[in-house]
Amino acid sequence: MANHGSVFLDEIGDLPIEMQPKLLRVLEEKEFDKSWRTSLIKTDFRLLAATNHDLEDMLEENRFRKDLLPPQRHHPAHPSAP
């Protein structure tokens, strides 16, 4: 676990839409459960995420949740032309 650390999710755009509410709950509530435990596990971590997908397009197509996007996000990186 990354308690008090960082978690890097590569290709967050590939996260299935049915899993996105579960990730959102962990981010908002700072807790999660495991099927074999009866109590919730508290956690505190920083999430870093990256994707090659155009999340704005995915939002319009209802393939990504708007509430998973941070209020201020970095602009997409575009490689410089030689």
PDB file of N, CA and C in Angstrom:
ATOM      1  N   MET A   1       0.842  -1.182   0.000  1.00  0.00           N
ATOM      2  CA  MET A   1       0.000   0.000   0.000  1.00  0.00           C
ATOM      3  C   MET A   1       0.881   1.237   0.000  1.00  0.00           C
ATOM      4  N   ALA A   2       0.322   2.318  -0.456  1.00  0.00           N
ATOM      5  CA  ALA A   2       1.072   3.567  -0.563  1.00  0.00           C
ATOM      6  C   ALA A   2       0.632   4.576   0.493  1.00  0.00           C
ATOM      7  N   ASN A   3       0.268   4.109   1.664  1.00  0.00           N
ATOM      8  CA  ASN A   3      -0.184   5.021   2.700  1.00  0.00           C
ATOM      9  C   ASN A   3       0.904   6.046   3.007  1.00  0.00           C
ATOM     10  N   HIS A   4       0.524   7.309   2.961  1.00  0.00           N
ATOM     11  CA  HIS A   4       1.428   8.444   3.156  1.00  0.00           C
ATOM     12  C   HIS A   4       2.482   8.528   2.056  1.00  0.00           C
ATOM     13  N   GLY A   5       2.173   7.971   0.908  1.00  0.00           N
ATOM     14  CA  GLY A   5       3.091   8.000  -0.225  1.00  0.00           C
ATOM     15  C   GLY A   5       2.361   8.419  -1.485  1.00  0.00           C
ATOM     16  N   SER A   6       2.853   7.968  -2.611  1.00  0.00           N
ATOM     17  CA  SER A   6       2.284   8.322  -3.913  1.00  0.00           C
ATOM     18  C   SER A   6       1.906   7.061  -4.678  1.00  0.00           C
ATOM     19  N   VAL A   7       0.841   7.171  -5.446  1.00  0.00           N
ATOM     20  CA  VAL A   7       0.400   6.102  -6.342  1.00  0.00           C
ATOM     21  C   VAL A   7       0.365   6.695  -7.742  1.00  0.00           C
ATOM     22  N   PHE A   8       0.991   6.014  -8.695  1.00  0.00           N
ATOM     23  CA  PHE A   8       0.976   6.456 -10.085  1.00  0.00           C
ATOM     24  C   PHE A   8       0.100   5.509 -10.882  1.00  0.00           C
ATOM     25  N   LEU A   9      -0.951   6.046 -11.481  1.00  0.00           N
ATOM     26  CA  LEU A   9      -1.828   5.265 -12.351  1.00  0.00           C
ATOM     27  C   LEU A   9      -1.518   5.643 -13.791  1.00  0.00           C
ATOM     28  N   ASP A  10      -0.876   4.743 -14.496  1.00  0.00           N
ATOM     29  CA  ASP A  10      -0.574   4.970 -15.898  1.00  0.00           C
ATOM     30  C   ASP A  10      -1.790   4.565 -16.719  1.00  0.00           C
ATOM     31  N   GLU A  11      -2.116   5.365 -17.698  1.00  0.00           N
ATOM     32  CA  GLU A  11      -3.267   5.126 -18.583  1.00  0.00           C
ATOM     33  C   GLU A  11      -4.581   5.069 -17.807  1.00  0.00           C
ATOM     34  N   ILE A  12      -4.838   6.111 -17.033  1.00  0.00           N
ATOM     35  CA  ILE A  12      -6.103   6.178 -16.293  1.00  0.00           C
ATOM     36  C   ILE A  12      -7.295   6.205 -17.254  1.00  0.00           C
ATOM     37  N   GLY A  13      -7.060   6.626 -18.480  1.00  0.00           N
ATOM     38  CA  GLY A  13      -8.122   6.626 -19.481  1.00  0.00           C
ATOM     39  C   GLY A  13      -8.598   5.232 -19.852  1.00  0.00           C
ATOM     40  N   ASP A  14      -7.812   4.212 -19.516  1.00  0.00           N
ATOM     41  CA  ASP A  14      -8.203   2.824 -19.773  1.00  0.00           C
ATOM     42  C   ASP A  14      -9.005   2.220 -18.624  1.00  0.00           C
ATOM     43  N   LEU A  15      -9.168   2.978 -17.539  1.00  0.00           N
ATOM     44  CA  LEU A  15      -9.928   2.466 -16.402  1.00  0.00           C
ATOM     45  C   LEU A  15     -11.400   2.317 -16.797  1.00  0.00           C
ATOM     46  N   PRO A  16     -11.946   1.107 -16.691  1.00  0.00           N
ATOM     47  CA  PRO A  16     -13.349   0.910 -17.091  1.00  0.00           C
ATOM     48  C   PRO A  16     -14.297   1.830 -16.318  1.00  0.00           C
ATOM     49  N   ILE A  17     -15.341   2.276 -16.989  1.00  0.00           N
ATOM     50  CA  ILE A  17     -16.308   3.214 -16.402  1.00  0.00           C
ATOM     51  C   ILE A  17     -16.923   2.649 -15.122  1.00  0.00           C
ATOM     52  N   GLU A  18     -17.085   1.330 -15.035  1.00  0.00           N
ATOM     53  CA  GLU A  18     -17.684   0.749 -13.824  1.00  0.00           C
ATOM     54  C   GLU A  18     -16.710   0.722 -12.643  1.00  0.00           C
ATOM     55  N   MET A  19     -15.419   0.907 -12.882  1.00  0.00           N
ATOM     56  CA  MET A  19     -14.431   0.968 -11.801  1.00  0.00           C
ATOM     57  C   MET A  19     -14.178   2.400 -11.331  1.00  0.00           C
ATOM     58  N   GLN A  20     -14.532   3.368 -12.130  1.00  0.00           N
ATOM     59  CA  GLN A  20     -14.257   4.764 -11.806  1.00  0.00           C
ATOM     60  C   GLN A  20     -14.947   5.233 -10.524  1.00  0.00           C
ATOM     61  N   PRO A  21     -16.198   4.852 -10.240  1.00  0.00           N
ATOM     62  CA  PRO A  21     -16.805   5.265  -8.962  1.00  0.00           C
ATOM     63  C   PRO A  21     -16.059   4.705  -7.751  1.00  0.00           C
ATOM     64  N   LYS A  22     -15.474   3.522  -7.882  1.00  0.00           N
ATOM     65  CA  LYS A  22     -14.719   2.939  -6.780  1.00  0.00           C
ATOM     66  C   LYS A  22     -13.451   3.736  -6.509  1.00  0.00           C
ATOM     67  N   LEU A  23     -12.778   4.161  -7.572  1.00  0.00           N
ATOM     68  CA  LEU A  23     -11.601   5.003  -7.401  1.00  0.00           C
ATOM     69  C   LEU A  23     -11.991   6.340  -6.788  1.00  0.00           C
ATOM     70  N   LEU A  24     -13.079   6.922  -7.260  1.00  0.00           N
ATOM     71  CA  LEU A  24     -13.541   8.197  -6.728  1.00  0.00           C
ATOM     72  C   LEU A  24     -13.842   8.087  -5.234  1.00  0.00           C
ATOM     73  N   ARG A  25     -14.446   7.002  -4.822  1.00  0.00           N
ATOM     74  CA  ARG A  25     -14.759   6.811  -3.399  1.00  0.00           C
ATOM     75  C   ARG A  25     -13.483   6.775  -2.562  1.00  0.00           C
ATOM     76  N   VAL A  26     -12.463   6.077  -3.044  1.00  0.00           N
ATOM     77  CA  VAL A  26     -11.195   6.021  -2.313  1.00  0.00           C
ATOM     78  C   VAL A  26     -10.593   7.419  -2.213  1.00  0.00           C
ATOM     79  N   LEU A  27     -10.657   8.185  -3.294  1.00  0.00           N
ATOM     80  CA  LEU A  27     -10.080   9.520  -3.294  1.00  0.00           C
ATOM     81  C   LEU A  27     -10.840  10.476  -2.367  1.00  0.00           C
ATOM     82  N   GLU A  28     -12.160  10.384  -2.353  1.00  0.00           N
ATOM     83  CA  GLU A  28     -12.972  11.287  -1.537  1.00  0.00           C
ATOM     84  C   GLU A  28     -13.034  10.871  -0.070  1.00  0.00           C
ATOM     85  N   GLU A  29     -13.240   9.602   0.167  1.00  0.00           N
ATOM     86  CA  GLU A  29     -13.446   9.112   1.535  1.00  0.00           C
ATOM     87  C   GLU A  29     -12.150   8.696   2.221  1.00  0.00           C
ATOM     88  N   LYS A  30     -11.089   8.524   1.437  1.00  0.00           N
ATOM     89  CA  LYS A  30      -9.781   8.082   1.957  1.00  0.00           C
ATOM     90  C   LYS A  30      -9.893   6.760   2.712  1.00  0.00           C
ATOM     91  N   GLU A  31     -10.690   5.862   2.143  1.00  0.00           N
ATOM     92  CA  GLU A  31     -10.825   4.532   2.712  1.00  0.00           C
ATOM     93  C   GLU A  31     -11.293   3.574   1.628  1.00  0.00           C
ATOM     94  N   PHE A  32     -11.020   2.300   1.850  1.00  0.00           N
ATOM     95  CA  PHE A  32     -11.466   1.272   0.915  1.00  0.00           C
ATOM     96  C   PHE A  32     -11.664  -0.015   1.687  1.00  0.00           C
ATOM     97  N   ASP A  33     -12.274  -0.976   1.030  1.00  0.00           N
ATOM     98  CA  ASP A  33     -12.475  -2.263   1.681  1.00  0.00           C
ATOM     99  C   ASP A  33     -11.917  -3.370   0.808  1.00  0.00           C
ATOM    100  N   LYS A  34     -11.634  -4.478   1.453  1.00  0.00           N
ATOM    101  CA  LYS A  34     -11.211  -5.678   0.757  1.00  0.00           C
ATOM    102  C   LYS A  34     -12.260  -6.734   1.054  1.00  0.00           C
ATOM    103  N   SER A  35     -12.467  -7.610   0.123  1.00  0.00           N
ATOM    104  CA  SER A  35     -13.533  -8.598   0.284  1.00  0.00           C
ATOM    105  C   SER A  35     -13.330  -9.496   1.498  1.00  0.00           C
ATOM    106  N   TRP A  36     -12.095  -9.720   1.904  1.00  0.00           N
ATOM    107  CA  TRP A  36     -11.835 -10.621   3.023  1.00  0.00           C
ATOM    108  C   TRP A  36     -11.795  -9.920   4.372  1.00  0.00           C
ATOM    109  N   ARG A  37     -11.928  -8.587   4.381  1.00  0.00           N
ATOM    110  CA  ARG A  37     -11.922  -7.845   5.649  1.00  0.00           C
ATOM    111  C   ARG A  37     -13.315  -7.338   5.968  1.00  0.00           C
ATOM    112  N   THR A  38     -13.605  -7.238   7.242  1.00  0.00           N
ATOM    113  CA  THR A  38     -14.921  -6.740   7.638  1.00  0.00           C
ATOM    114  C   THR A  38     -14.906  -5.243   7.912  1.00  0.00           C
ATOM    115  N   SER A  39     -13.717  -4.662   8.082  1.00  0.00           N
ATOM    116  CA  SER A  39     -13.637  -3.233   8.373  1.00  0.00           C
ATOM    117  C   SER A  39     -12.968  -2.492   7.214  1.00  0.00           C
ATOM    118  N   LEU A  40     -13.244  -1.202   7.149  1.00  0.00           N
ATOM    119  CA  LEU A  40     -12.654  -0.370   6.109  1.00  0.00           C
ATOM    120  C   LEU A  40     -11.194  -0.081   6.436  1.00  0.00           C
ATOM    121  N   ILE A  41     -10.407   0.097   5.396  1.00  0.00           N
ATOM    122  CA  ILE A  41      -8.995   0.411   5.549  1.00  0.00           C
ATOM    123  C   ILE A  41      -8.818   1.889   5.247  1.00  0.00           C
ATOM    124  N   LYS A  42      -8.332   2.639   6.202  1.00  0.00           N
ATOM    125  CA  LYS A  42      -8.077   4.068   6.024  1.00  0.00           C
ATOM    126  C   LYS A  42      -6.754   4.244   5.289  1.00  0.00           C
ATOM    127  N   THR A  43      -6.694   5.250   4.426  1.00  0.00           N
ATOM    128  CA  THR A  43      -5.474   5.502   3.674  1.00  0.00           C
ATOM    129  C   THR A  43      -5.334   6.984   3.359  1.00  0.00           C
ATOM    130  N   ASP A  44      -4.137   7.400   3.109  1.00  0.00           N
ATOM    131  CA  ASP A  44      -3.861   8.786   2.749  1.00  0.00           C
ATOM    132  C   ASP A  44      -2.690   8.757   1.777  1.00  0.00           C
ATOM    133  N   PHE A  45      -2.939   9.128   0.535  1.00  0.00           N
ATOM    134  CA  PHE A  45      -1.888   9.090  -0.467  1.00  0.00           C
ATOM    135  C   PHE A  45      -2.129  10.164  -1.520  1.00  0.00           C
ATOM    136  N   ARG A  46      -1.087  10.423  -2.290  1.00  0.00           N
ATOM    137  CA  ARG A  46      -1.170  11.365  -3.402  1.00  0.00           C
ATOM    138  C   ARG A  46      -1.301  10.545  -4.673  1.00  0.00           C
ATOM    139  N   LEU A  47      -2.244  10.927  -5.524  1.00  0.00           N
ATOM    140  CA  LEU A  47      -2.465  10.213  -6.777  1.00  0.00           C
ATOM    141  C   LEU A  47      -1.873  11.004  -7.937  1.00  0.00           C
ATOM    142  N   LEU A  48      -1.064  10.342  -8.718  1.00  0.00           N
ATOM    143  CA  LEU A  48      -0.540  10.888  -9.965  1.00  0.00           C
ATOM    144  C   LEU A  48      -1.080   9.998 -11.076  1.00  0.00           C
ATOM    145  N   ALA A  49      -1.565  10.606 -12.139  1.00  0.00           N
ATOM    146  CA  ALA A  49      -2.146   9.819 -13.217  1.00  0.00           C
ATOM    147  C   ALA A  49      -1.732  10.386 -14.563  1.00  0.00           C
ATOM    148  N   ALA A  50      -1.674   9.498 -15.540  1.00  0.00           N
ATOM    149  CA  ALA A  50      -1.314   9.901 -16.892  1.00  0.00           C
ATOM    150  C   ALA A  50      -2.141   9.096 -17.881  1.00  0.00           C
ATOM    151  N   THR A  51      -2.290   9.645 -19.075  1.00  0.00           N
ATOM    152  CA  THR A  51      -2.985   8.927 -20.133  1.00  0.00           C
ATOM    153  C   THR A  51      -2.615   9.528 -21.479  1.00  0.00           C
ATOM    154  N   ASN A  52      -2.744   8.724 -22.497  1.00  0.00           N
ATOM    155  CA  ASN A  52      -2.579   9.198 -23.866  1.00  0.00           C
ATOM    156  C   ASN A  52      -3.934   9.511 -24.494  1.00  0.00           C
ATOM    157  N   HIS A  53      -4.997   9.192 -23.782  1.00  0.00           N
ATOM    158  CA  HIS A  53      -6.348   9.427 -24.290  1.00  0.00           C
ATOM    159  C   HIS A  53      -6.732  10.894 -24.122  1.00  0.00           C
ATOM    160  N   ASP A  54      -7.608  11.353 -24.962  1.00  0.00           N
ATOM    161  CA  ASP A  54      -8.167  12.696 -24.833  1.00  0.00           C
ATOM    162  C   ASP A  54      -9.348  12.595 -23.871  1.00  0.00           C
ATOM    163  N   LEU A  55      -9.127  12.980 -22.621  1.00  0.00           N
ATOM    164  CA  LEU A  55     -10.174  12.826 -21.609  1.00  0.00           C
ATOM    165  C   LEU A  55     -11.386  13.705 -21.892  1.00  0.00           C
ATOM    166  N   GLU A  56     -11.179  14.831 -22.542  1.00  0.00           N
ATOM    167  CA  GLU A  56     -12.321  15.687 -22.902  1.00  0.00           C
ATOM    168  C   GLU A  56     -13.253  14.934 -23.858  1.00  0.00           C
ATOM    169  N   ASP A  57     -12.689  14.238 -24.831  1.00  0.00           N
ATOM    170  CA  ASP A  57     -13.510  13.430 -25.744  1.00  0.00           C
ATOM    171  C   ASP A  57     -14.193  12.305 -24.985  1.00  0.00           C
ATOM    172  N   MET A  58     -13.464  11.692 -24.067  1.00  0.00           N
ATOM    173  CA  MET A  58     -14.043  10.601 -23.297  1.00  0.00           C
ATOM    174  C   MET A  58     -15.189  11.090 -22.417  1.00  0.00           C
ATOM    175  N   LEU A  59     -15.088  12.321 -21.905  1.00  0.00           N
ATOM    176  CA  LEU A  59     -16.180  12.906 -21.130  1.00  0.00           C
ATOM    177  C   LEU A  59     -17.429  13.040 -21.991  1.00  0.00           C
ATOM    178  N   GLU A  60     -17.257  13.559 -23.186  1.00  0.00           N
ATOM    179  CA  GLU A  60     -18.394  13.746 -24.095  1.00  0.00           C
ATOM    180  C   GLU A  60     -19.033  12.420 -24.475  1.00  0.00           C
ATOM    181  N   GLU A  61     -18.229  11.366 -24.554  1.00  0.00           N
ATOM    182  CA  GLU A  61     -18.731  10.042 -24.930  1.00  0.00           C
ATOM    183  C   GLU A  61     -19.178   9.223 -23.718  1.00  0.00           C
ATOM    184  N   ASN A  62     -19.191   9.852 -22.543  1.00  0.00           N
ATOM    185  CA  ASN A  62     -19.583   9.184 -21.288  1.00  0.00           C
ATOM    186  C   ASN A  62     -18.732   7.947 -20.997  1.00  0.00           C
ATOM    187  N   ARG A  63     -17.427   8.055 -21.303  1.00  0.00           N
ATOM    188  CA  ARG A  63     -16.500   6.959 -21.007  1.00  0.00           C
ATOM    189  C   ARG A  63     -15.547   7.323 -19.876  1.00  0.00           C
ATOM    190  N   PHE A  64     -15.665   8.554 -19.353  1.00  0.00           N
ATOM    191  CA  PHE A  64     -14.838   8.984 -18.220  1.00  0.00           C
ATOM    192  C   PHE A  64     -15.646   9.944 -17.383  1.00  0.00           C
ATOM    193  N   ARG A  65     -15.511   9.834 -16.066  1.00  0.00           N
ATOM    194  CA  ARG A  65     -16.289  10.660 -15.141  1.00  0.00           C
ATOM    195  C   ARG A  65     -15.642  12.028 -14.971  1.00  0.00           C
ATOM    196  N   LYS A  66     -16.451  13.051 -15.076  1.00  0.00           N
ATOM    197  CA  LYS A  66     -15.953  14.413 -14.897  1.00  0.00           C
ATOM    198  C   LYS A  66     -15.447  14.644 -13.482  1.00  0.00           C
ATOM    199  N   ASP A  67     -16.079  14.011 -12.496  1.00  0.00           N
ATOM    200  CA  ASP A  67     -15.667  14.232 -11.114  1.00  0.00           C
ATOM    201  C   ASP A  67     -14.336  13.569 -10.767  1.00  0.00           C
ATOM    202  N   LEU A  68     -13.764  12.797 -11.670  1.00  0.00           N
ATOM    203  CA  LEU A  68     -12.419  12.269 -11.451  1.00  0.00           C
ATOM    204  C   LEU A  68     -11.338  13.239 -11.911  1.00  0.00           C
ATOM    205  N   LEU A  69     -11.722  14.237 -12.679  1.00  0.00           N
ATOM    206  CA  LEU A  69     -10.748  15.221 -13.136  1.00  0.00           C
ATOM    207  C   LEU A  69     -10.534  16.262 -12.044  1.00  0.00           C
ATOM    208  N   PRO A  70      -9.287  16.634 -11.799  1.00  0.00           N
ATOM    209  CA  PRO A  70      -9.041  17.679 -10.798  1.00  0.00           C
ATOM    210  C   PRO A  70      -9.538  19.024 -11.305  1.00  0.00           C
ATOM    211  N   PRO A  71      -9.871  19.949 -10.398  1.00  0.00           N
ATOM    212  CA  PRO A  71     -10.367  21.258 -10.832  1.00  0.00           C
ATOM    213  C   PRO A  71      -9.355  22.010 -11.689  1.00  0.00           C
ATOM    214  N   GLN A  72      -8.090  21.893 -11.353  1.00  0.00           N
ATOM    215  CA  GLN A  72      -7.028  22.500 -12.152  1.00  0.00           C
ATOM    216  C   GLN A  72      -6.141  21.373 -12.647  1.00  0.00           C
ATOM    217  N   ARG A  73      -6.096  21.203 -13.932  1.00  0.00           N
ATOM    218  CA  ARG A  73      -5.245  20.142 -14.456  1.00  0.00           C
ATOM    219  C   ARG A  73      -4.270  20.717 -15.470  1.00  0.00           C
ATOM    220  N   HIS A  74      -3.218  19.999 -15.671  1.00  0.00           N
ATOM    221  CA  HIS A  74      -2.202  20.446 -16.607  1.00  0.00           C
ATOM    222  C   HIS A  74      -2.699  20.294 -18.040  1.00  0.00           C
ATOM    223  N   HIS A  75      -2.202  21.120 -18.884  1.00  0.00           N
ATOM    224  CA  HIS A  75      -2.551  21.016 -20.291  1.00  0.00           C
ATOM    225  C   HIS A  75      -1.832  19.831 -20.915  1.00  0.00           C
ATOM    226  N   PRO A  76      -2.418  19.281 -21.949  1.00  0.00           N
ATOM    227  CA  PRO A  76      -1.770  18.128 -22.586  1.00  0.00           C
ATOM    228  C   PRO A  76      -0.400  18.518 -23.133  1.00  0.00           C
ATOM    229  N   ALA A  77       0.511  17.581 -23.026  1.00  0.00           N
ATOM    230  CA  ALA A  77       1.853  17.797 -23.563  1.00  0.00           C
ATOM    231  C   ALA A  77       1.861  17.418 -25.028  1.00  0.00           C
ATOM    232  N   HIS A  78       2.373  18.293 -25.836  1.00  0.00           N
ATOM    233  CA  HIS A  78       2.500  18.019 -27.268  1.00  0.00           C
ATOM    234  C   HIS A  78       3.966  18.071 -27.630  1.00  0.00           C
ATOM    235  N   PRO A  79       4.478  17.025 -28.278  1.00  0.00           N
ATOM    236  CA  PRO A  79       5.891  17.047 -28.646  1.00  0.00           C
ATOM    237  C   PRO A  79       6.178  18.162 -29.632  1.00  0.00           C
ATOM    238  N   SER A  80       7.340  18.750 -29.510  1.00  0.00           N
ATOM    239  CA  SER A  80       7.737  19.836 -30.423  1.00  0.00           C
ATOM    240  C   SER A  80       8.082  19.260 -31.783  1.00  0.00           C
ATOM    241  N   ALA A  81       7.690  19.983 -32.791  1.00  0.00           N
ATOM    242  CA  ALA A  81       8.032  19.565 -34.156  1.00  0.00           C
ATOM    243  C   ALA A  81       9.482  19.954 -34.443  1.00  0.00           C
ATOM    244  N   PRO A  82      10.237  19.083 -35.099  1.00  0.00           N
ATOM    245  CA  PRO A  82      11.648  19.407 -35.368  1.00  0.00           C
ATOM    246  C   PRO A  82      11.814  20.531 -36.358  1.00  0.00           C
TER     247      PRO A  82
END
